[in-house]
PDB file of N, CA and C in Angstrom:
ATOM      1  N   MET A   1     -32.366 -59.441  17.350  1.00  0.00           N
ATOM      2  CA  MET A   1     -32.458 -60.145  18.621  1.00  0.00           C
ATOM      3  C   MET A   1     -33.854 -60.748  18.747  1.00  0.00           C
ATOM      4  N   PRO A   2     -33.953 -62.049  18.947  1.00  0.00           N
ATOM      5  CA  PRO A   2     -35.266 -62.676  19.123  1.00  0.00           C
ATOM      6  C   PRO A   2     -35.965 -62.167  20.374  1.00  0.00           C
ATOM      7  N   GLU A   3     -37.283 -62.215  20.348  1.00  0.00           N
ATOM      8  CA  GLU A   3     -38.085 -61.772  21.490  1.00  0.00           C
ATOM      9  C   GLU A   3     -38.728 -62.976  22.166  1.00  0.00           C
ATOM     10  N   VAL A   4     -39.134 -62.787  23.406  1.00  0.00           N
ATOM     11  CA  VAL A   4     -39.779 -63.859  24.169  1.00  0.00           C
ATOM     12  C   VAL A   4     -41.046 -64.308  23.440  1.00  0.00           C
ATOM     13  N   GLY A   5     -41.192 -65.622  23.279  1.00  0.00           N
ATOM     14  CA  GLY A   5     -42.353 -66.184  22.604  1.00  0.00           C
ATOM     15  C   GLY A   5     -42.121 -66.474  21.136  1.00  0.00           C
ATOM     16  N   GLU A   6     -40.998 -66.041  20.588  1.00  0.00           N
ATOM     17  CA  GLU A   6     -40.714 -66.258  19.169  1.00  0.00           C
ATOM     18  C   GLU A   6     -40.201 -67.676  18.933  1.00  0.00           C
ATOM     19  N   VAL A   7     -40.668 -68.301  17.853  1.00  0.00           N
ATOM     20  CA  VAL A   7     -40.197 -69.629  17.478  1.00  0.00           C
ATOM     21  C   VAL A   7     -38.934 -69.461  16.647  1.00  0.00           C
ATOM     22  N   VAL A   8     -37.879 -70.190  17.031  1.00  0.00           N
ATOM     23  CA  VAL A   8     -36.597 -70.102  16.353  1.00  0.00           C
ATOM     24  C   VAL A   8     -36.089 -71.499  16.008  1.00  0.00           C
ATOM     25  N   ARG A   9     -35.195 -71.548  15.027  1.00  0.00           N
ATOM     26  CA  ARG A   9     -34.522 -72.795  14.660  1.00  0.00           C
ATOM     27  C   ARG A   9     -33.054 -72.633  15.013  1.00  0.00           C
ATOM     28  N   ALA A  10     -32.496 -73.631  15.704  1.00  0.00           N
ATOM     29  CA  ALA A  10     -31.080 -73.604  16.075  1.00  0.00           C
ATOM     30  C   ALA A  10     -30.234 -73.935  14.848  1.00  0.00           C
ATOM     31  N   LEU A  11     -29.158 -73.174  14.660  1.00  0.00           N
ATOM     32  CA  LEU A  11     -28.285 -73.377  13.505  1.00  0.00           C
ATOM     33  C   LEU A  11     -27.009 -74.130  13.858  1.00  0.00           C
ATOM     34  N   THR A  12     -26.647 -74.152  15.136  1.00  0.00           N
ATOM     35  CA  THR A  12     -25.409 -74.813  15.555  1.00  0.00           C
ATOM     36  C   THR A  12     -25.644 -75.564  16.861  1.00  0.00           C
ATOM     37  N   GLY A  13     -24.704 -76.431  17.180  1.00  0.00           N
ATOM     38  CA  GLY A  13     -24.745 -77.146  18.457  1.00  0.00           C
ATOM     39  C   GLY A  13     -25.535 -78.436  18.388  1.00  0.00           C
ATOM     40  N   ARG A  14     -25.756 -79.019  19.539  1.00  0.00           N
ATOM     41  CA  ARG A  14     -26.468 -80.298  19.631  1.00  0.00           C
ATOM     42  C   ARG A  14     -27.907 -80.197  19.159  1.00  0.00           C
ATOM     43  N   GLU A  15     -28.489 -78.998  19.289  1.00  0.00           N
ATOM     44  CA  GLU A  15     -29.888 -78.809  18.909  1.00  0.00           C
ATOM     45  C   GLU A  15     -30.030 -78.286  17.483  1.00  0.00           C
ATOM     46  N   ASP A  16     -29.000 -78.446  16.665  1.00  0.00           N
ATOM     47  CA  ASP A  16     -28.992 -77.971  15.277  1.00  0.00           C
ATOM     48  C   ASP A  16     -30.211 -78.481  14.509  1.00  0.00           C
ATOM     49  N   GLY A  17     -30.977 -77.557  13.936  1.00  0.00           N
ATOM     50  CA  GLY A  17     -32.129 -77.903  13.120  1.00  0.00           C
ATOM     51  C   GLY A  17     -33.435 -78.037  13.877  1.00  0.00           C
ATOM     52  N   ARG A  18     -33.395 -78.083  15.198  1.00  0.00           N
ATOM     53  CA  ARG A  18     -34.620 -78.253  15.985  1.00  0.00           C
ATOM     54  C   ARG A  18     -35.292 -76.923  16.271  1.00  0.00           C
ATOM     55  N   LEU A  19     -36.614 -76.974  16.415  1.00  0.00           N
ATOM     56  CA  LEU A  19     -37.381 -75.777  16.748  1.00  0.00           C
ATOM     57  C   LEU A  19     -37.427 -75.582  18.252  1.00  0.00           C
ATOM     58  N   HIS A  20     -37.358 -74.323  18.674  1.00  0.00           N
ATOM     59  CA  HIS A  20     -37.428 -73.941  20.075  1.00  0.00           C
ATOM     60  C   HIS A  20     -38.245 -72.666  20.181  1.00  0.00           C
ATOM     61  N   VAL A  21     -38.622 -72.325  21.397  1.00  0.00           N
ATOM     62  CA  VAL A  21     -39.247 -71.032  21.661  1.00  0.00           C
ATOM     63  C   VAL A  21     -38.332 -70.257  22.608  1.00  0.00           C
ATOM     64  N   VAL A  22     -38.227 -68.965  22.388  1.00  0.00           N
ATOM     65  CA  VAL A  22     -37.416 -68.118  23.248  1.00  0.00           C
ATOM     66  C   VAL A  22     -38.204 -67.872  24.532  1.00  0.00           C
ATOM     67  N   THR A  23     -37.603 -68.219  25.665  1.00  0.00           N
ATOM     68  CA  THR A  23     -38.277 -68.067  26.955  1.00  0.00           C
ATOM     69  C   THR A  23     -37.748 -66.890  27.757  1.00  0.00           C
ATOM     70  N   ALA A  24     -36.535 -66.421  27.434  1.00  0.00           N
ATOM     71  CA  ALA A  24     -35.943 -65.305  28.178  1.00  0.00           C
ATOM     72  C   ALA A  24     -34.873 -64.637  27.330  1.00  0.00           C
ATOM     73  N   VAL A  25     -34.670 -63.357  27.588  1.00  0.00           N
ATOM     74  CA  VAL A  25     -33.578 -62.606  26.972  1.00  0.00           C
ATOM     75  C   VAL A  25     -32.736 -62.055  28.107  1.00  0.00           C
ATOM     76  N   CYS A  26     -31.481 -62.493  28.175  1.00  0.00           N
ATOM     77  CA  CYS A  26     -30.586 -62.110  29.272  1.00  0.00           C
ATOM     78  C   CYS A  26     -29.320 -61.498  28.691  1.00  0.00           C
ATOM     79  N   GLY A  27     -29.308 -60.194  28.524  1.00  0.00           N
ATOM     80  CA  GLY A  27     -28.122 -59.523  27.990  1.00  0.00           C
ATOM     81  C   GLY A  27     -27.855 -59.930  26.554  1.00  0.00           C
ATOM     82  N   ASP A  28     -26.707 -60.577  26.322  1.00  0.00           N
ATOM     83  CA  ASP A  28     -26.355 -60.991  24.973  1.00  0.00           C
ATOM     84  C   ASP A  28     -26.698 -62.458  24.698  1.00  0.00           C
ATOM     85  N   ARG A  29     -27.483 -63.085  25.551  1.00  0.00           N
ATOM     86  CA  ARG A  29     -27.907 -64.480  25.388  1.00  0.00           C
ATOM     87  C   ARG A  29     -29.429 -64.566  25.447  1.00  0.00           C
ATOM     88  N   VAL A  30     -29.959 -65.635  24.866  1.00  0.00           N
ATOM     89  CA  VAL A  30     -31.396 -65.902  24.977  1.00  0.00           C
ATOM     90  C   VAL A  30     -31.572 -67.308  25.534  1.00  0.00           C
ATOM     91  N   GLY A  31     -32.644 -67.510  26.286  1.00  0.00           N
ATOM     92  CA  GLY A  31     -32.976 -68.829  26.804  1.00  0.00           C
ATOM     93  C   GLY A  31     -33.966 -69.482  25.866  1.00  0.00           C
ATOM     94  N   ILE A  32     -33.670 -70.726  25.437  1.00  0.00           N
ATOM     95  CA  ILE A  32     -34.566 -71.441  24.526  1.00  0.00           C
ATOM     96  C   ILE A  32     -34.969 -72.773  25.145  1.00  0.00           C
ATOM     97  N   ALA A  33     -36.184 -73.209  24.820  1.00  0.00           N
ATOM     98  CA  ALA A  33     -36.691 -74.488  25.310  1.00  0.00           C
ATOM     99  C   ALA A  33     -37.539 -75.123  24.211  1.00  0.00           C
ATOM    100  N   ASP A  34     -37.574 -76.461  24.207  1.00  0.00           N
ATOM    101  CA  ASP A  34     -38.418 -77.177  23.254  1.00  0.00           C
ATOM    102  C   ASP A  34     -39.420 -78.103  23.932  1.00  0.00           C
ATOM    103  N   GLY A  35     -39.364 -78.203  25.256  1.00  0.00           N
ATOM    104  CA  GLY A  35     -40.330 -79.010  25.985  1.00  0.00           C
ATOM    105  C   GLY A  35     -39.973 -80.481  26.075  1.00  0.00           C
ATOM    106  N   ARG A  36     -38.993 -80.940  25.314  1.00  0.00           N
ATOM    107  CA  ARG A  36     -38.591 -82.346  25.355  1.00  0.00           C
ATOM    108  C   ARG A  36     -37.143 -82.462  25.834  1.00  0.00           C
ATOM    109  N   HIS A  37     -36.201 -81.986  25.048  1.00  0.00           N
ATOM    110  CA  HIS A  37     -34.800 -82.061  25.435  1.00  0.00           C
ATOM    111  C   HIS A  37     -34.411 -80.923  26.374  1.00  0.00           C
ATOM    112  N   ARG A  38     -35.007 -79.779  26.169  1.00  0.00           N
ATOM    113  CA  ARG A  38     -34.790 -78.619  27.032  1.00  0.00           C
ATOM    114  C   ARG A  38     -36.126 -78.184  27.597  1.00  0.00           C
ATOM    115  N   LYS A  39     -36.305 -78.406  28.891  1.00  0.00           N
ATOM    116  CA  LYS A  39     -37.563 -78.083  29.562  1.00  0.00           C
ATOM    117  C   LYS A  39     -37.644 -76.589  29.854  1.00  0.00           C
ATOM    118  N   LEU A  40     -38.853 -76.127  30.123  1.00  0.00           N
ATOM    119  CA  LEU A  40     -39.079 -74.719  30.431  1.00  0.00           C
ATOM    120  C   LEU A  40     -38.382 -74.287  31.718  1.00  0.00           C
ATOM    121  N   LEU A  41     -38.224 -75.206  32.658  1.00  0.00           N
ATOM    122  CA  LEU A  41     -37.582 -74.871  33.931  1.00  0.00           C
ATOM    123  C   LEU A  41     -36.069 -74.757  33.819  1.00  0.00           C
ATOM    124  N   CYS A  42     -35.491 -75.293  32.751  1.00  0.00           N
ATOM    125  CA  CYS A  42     -34.043 -75.269  32.572  1.00  0.00           C
ATOM    126  C   CYS A  42     -33.714 -74.956  31.112  1.00  0.00           C
ATOM    127  N   PRO A  43     -33.992 -73.737  30.654  1.00  0.00           N
ATOM    128  CA  PRO A  43     -33.747 -73.414  29.251  1.00  0.00           C
ATOM    129  C   PRO A  43     -32.261 -73.329  28.917  1.00  0.00           C
ATOM    130  N   LYS A  44     -31.933 -73.593  27.664  1.00  0.00           N
ATOM    131  CA  LYS A  44     -30.558 -73.498  27.174  1.00  0.00           C
ATOM    132  C   LYS A  44     -30.235 -72.042  26.871  1.00  0.00           C
ATOM    133  N   LYS A  45     -29.120 -71.560  27.365  1.00  0.00           N
ATOM    134  CA  LYS A  45     -28.680 -70.197  27.039  1.00  0.00           C
ATOM    135  C   LYS A  45     -27.887 -70.273  25.744  1.00  0.00           C
ATOM    136  N   LYS A  46     -28.291 -69.468  24.764  1.00  0.00           N
ATOM    137  CA  LYS A  46     -27.685 -69.563  23.449  1.00  0.00           C
ATOM    138  C   LYS A  46     -27.433 -68.174  22.870  1.00  0.00           C
ATOM    139  N   ASN A  47     -26.391 -68.070  22.079  1.00  0.00           N
ATOM    140  CA  ASN A  47     -26.073 -66.839  21.381  1.00  0.00           C
ATOM    141  C   ASN A  47     -27.115 -66.631  20.273  1.00  0.00           C
ATOM    142  N   PRO A  48     -27.751 -65.477  20.191  1.00  0.00           N
ATOM    143  CA  PRO A  48     -28.786 -65.263  19.177  1.00  0.00           C
ATOM    144  C   PRO A  48     -28.282 -65.359  17.738  1.00  0.00           C
ATOM    145  N   ARG A  49     -26.962 -65.206  17.528  1.00  0.00           N
ATOM    146  CA  ARG A  49     -26.420 -65.366  16.174  1.00  0.00           C
ATOM    147  C   ARG A  49     -26.518 -66.804  15.695  1.00  0.00           C
ATOM    148  N   HIS A  50     -26.680 -67.741  16.615  1.00  0.00           N
ATOM    149  CA  HIS A  50     -26.773 -69.153  16.264  1.00  0.00           C
ATOM    150  C   HIS A  50     -28.215 -69.615  16.102  1.00  0.00           C
ATOM    151  N   LEU A  51     -29.140 -68.659  16.010  1.00  0.00           N
ATOM    152  CA  LEU A  51     -30.564 -68.952  15.857  1.00  0.00           C
ATOM    153  C   LEU A  51     -31.112 -68.184  14.666  1.00  0.00           C
ATOM    154  N   THR A  52     -32.139 -68.738  14.051  1.00  0.00           N
ATOM    155  CA  THR A  52     -32.845 -68.015  13.003  1.00  0.00           C
ATOM    156  C   THR A  52     -34.331 -68.001  13.344  1.00  0.00           C
ATOM    157  N   GLY A  53     -34.934 -66.830  13.255  1.00  0.00           N
ATOM    158  CA  GLY A  53     -36.358 -66.696  13.560  1.00  0.00           C
ATOM    159  C   GLY A  53     -37.218 -67.193  12.413  1.00  0.00           C
ATOM    160  N   LEU A  54     -38.369 -67.756  12.746  1.00  0.00           N
ATOM    161  CA  LEU A  54     -39.289 -68.257  11.728  1.00  0.00           C
ATOM    162  C   LEU A  54     -40.446 -67.302  11.477  1.00  0.00           C
ATOM    163  N   GLY A  55     -40.476 -66.191  12.210  1.00  0.00           N
ATOM    164  CA  GLY A  55     -41.564 -65.233  12.039  1.00  0.00           C
ATOM    165  C   GLY A  55     -42.865 -65.670  12.693  1.00  0.00           C
ATOM    166  N   ILE A  56     -42.785 -66.611  13.630  1.00  0.00           N
ATOM    167  CA  ILE A  56     -43.964 -67.112  14.341  1.00  0.00           C
ATOM    168  C   ILE A  56     -43.816 -66.755  15.809  1.00  0.00           C
ATOM    169  N   ARG A  57     -44.875 -66.208  16.384  1.00  0.00           N
ATOM    170  CA  ARG A  57     -44.884 -65.896  17.819  1.00  0.00           C
ATOM    171  C   ARG A  57     -45.940 -66.738  18.502  1.00  0.00           C
ATOM    172  N   LEU A  58     -45.606 -67.269  19.654  1.00  0.00           N
ATOM    173  CA  LEU A  58     -46.547 -68.034  20.464  1.00  0.00           C
ATOM    174  C   LEU A  58     -47.013 -67.167  21.624  1.00  0.00           C
ATOM    175  N   SER A  59     -48.276 -67.325  21.980  1.00  0.00           N
ATOM    176  CA  SER A  59     -48.781 -66.628  23.162  1.00  0.00           C
ATOM    177  C   SER A  59     -48.293 -67.380  24.406  1.00  0.00           C
ATOM    178  N   PRO A  60     -48.254 -66.716  25.552  1.00  0.00           N
ATOM    179  CA  PRO A  60     -47.795 -67.390  26.774  1.00  0.00           C
ATOM    180  C   PRO A  60     -48.608 -68.650  27.109  1.00  0.00           C
ATOM    181  N   GLU A  61     -49.873 -68.674  26.742  1.00  0.00           N
ATOM    182  CA  GLU A  61     -50.688 -69.868  27.005  1.00  0.00           C
ATOM    183  C   GLU A  61     -50.222 -71.059  26.164  1.00  0.00           C
ATOM    184  N   GLN A  62     -49.659 -70.792  24.998  1.00  0.00           N
ATOM    185  CA  GLN A  62     -49.223 -71.869  24.107  1.00  0.00           C
ATOM    186  C   GLN A  62     -47.941 -72.536  24.582  1.00  0.00           C
ATOM    187  N   TYR A  63     -47.197 -71.895  25.480  1.00  0.00           N
ATOM    188  CA  TYR A  63     -45.998 -72.536  26.029  1.00  0.00           C
ATOM    189  C   TYR A  63     -45.984 -72.462  27.560  1.00  0.00           C
ATOM    190  N   ALA A  64     -47.167 -72.565  28.161  1.00  0.00           N
ATOM    191  CA  ALA A  64     -47.283 -72.512  29.617  1.00  0.00           C
ATOM    192  C   ALA A  64     -46.711 -73.772  30.274  1.00  0.00           C
ATOM    193  N   THR A  65     -46.820 -74.907  29.602  1.00  0.00           N
ATOM    194  CA  THR A  65     -46.267 -76.166  30.116  1.00  0.00           C
ATOM    195  C   THR A  65     -45.437 -76.807  29.016  1.00  0.00           C
ATOM    196  N   ASP A  66     -44.610 -77.776  29.392  1.00  0.00           N
ATOM    197  CA  ASP A  66     -43.785 -78.463  28.401  1.00  0.00           C
ATOM    198  C   ASP A  66     -44.647 -79.192  27.369  1.00  0.00           C
ATOM    199  N   LYS A  67     -45.741 -79.785  27.813  1.00  0.00           N
ATOM    200  CA  LYS A  67     -46.616 -80.507  26.887  1.00  0.00           C
ATOM    201  C   LYS A  67     -47.249 -79.553  25.871  1.00  0.00           C
ATOM    202  N   LYS A  68     -47.744 -78.409  26.337  1.00  0.00           N
ATOM    203  CA  LYS A  68     -48.337 -77.434  25.421  1.00  0.00           C
ATOM    204  C   LYS A  68     -47.285 -76.891  24.454  1.00  0.00           C
ATOM    205  N   LEU A  69     -46.067 -76.699  24.939  1.00  0.00           N
ATOM    206  CA  LEU A  69     -44.989 -76.219  24.090  1.00  0.00           C
ATOM    207  C   LEU A  69     -44.680 -77.227  22.986  1.00  0.00           C
ATOM    208  N   ARG A  70     -44.578 -78.511  23.337  1.00  0.00           N
ATOM    209  CA  ARG A  70     -44.322 -79.536  22.326  1.00  0.00           C
ATOM    210  C   ARG A  70     -45.420 -79.562  21.277  1.00  0.00           C
ATOM    211  N   GLU A  71     -46.673 -79.466  21.715  1.00  0.00           N
ATOM    212  CA  GLU A  71     -47.792 -79.479  20.781  1.00  0.00           C
ATOM    213  C   GLU A  71     -47.767 -78.247  19.858  1.00  0.00           C
ATOM    214  N   SER A  72     -47.445 -77.084  20.400  1.00  0.00           N
ATOM    215  CA  SER A  72     -47.390 -75.865  19.604  1.00  0.00           C
ATOM    216  C   SER A  72     -46.272 -75.924  18.573  1.00  0.00           C
ATOM    217  N   LEU A  73     -45.111 -76.451  18.970  1.00  0.00           N
ATOM    218  CA  LEU A  73     -43.999 -76.566  18.026  1.00  0.00           C
ATOM    219  C   LEU A  73     -44.308 -77.607  16.940  1.00  0.00           C
ATOM    220  N   ARG A  74     -45.022 -78.653  17.300  1.00  0.00           N
ATOM    221  CA  ARG A  74     -45.422 -79.657  16.311  1.00  0.00           C
ATOM    222  C   ARG A  74     -46.349 -79.038  15.277  1.00  0.00           C
ATOM    223  N   GLU A  75     -47.256 -78.152  15.705  1.00  0.00           N
ATOM    224  CA  GLU A  75     -48.152 -77.471  14.780  1.00  0.00           C
ATOM    225  C   GLU A  75     -47.388 -76.525  13.853  1.00  0.00           C
ATOM    226  N   CYS A  76     -46.302 -75.946  14.338  1.00  0.00           N
ATOM    227  CA  CYS A  76     -45.492 -75.049  13.503  1.00  0.00           C
ATOM    228  C   CYS A  76     -44.808 -75.806  12.372  1.00  0.00           C
ATOM    229  N   LEU A  77     -44.530 -77.080  12.595  1.00  0.00           N
ATOM    230  CA  LEU A  77     -43.881 -77.877  11.549  1.00  0.00           C
ATOM    231  C   LEU A  77     -44.835 -78.214  10.415  1.00  0.00           C
ATOM    232  N   SER A  78     -46.117 -78.299  10.728  1.00  0.00           N
ATOM    233  CA  SER A  78     -47.071 -78.704   9.683  1.00  0.00           C
ATOM    234  C   SER A  78     -47.716 -77.525   8.992  1.00  0.00           C
TER     235      SER A  78
END
């Protein structure tokens, strides 16, 4: 189960292949956001089986705003 702040890659759905950060864990679902298509105020609820962790954790300051989140995810790609 991914933890809050973990960078994950979506394996299925419209966001297939895109990087996101886990913003919430709600029972058997996790909330993910990328700062562009899915904002922090309205995260996508997704089944954790449809995500793969990259082994990268972001601090809360790195995803405090949508802009900071986009910049942090861009750095993870490089």
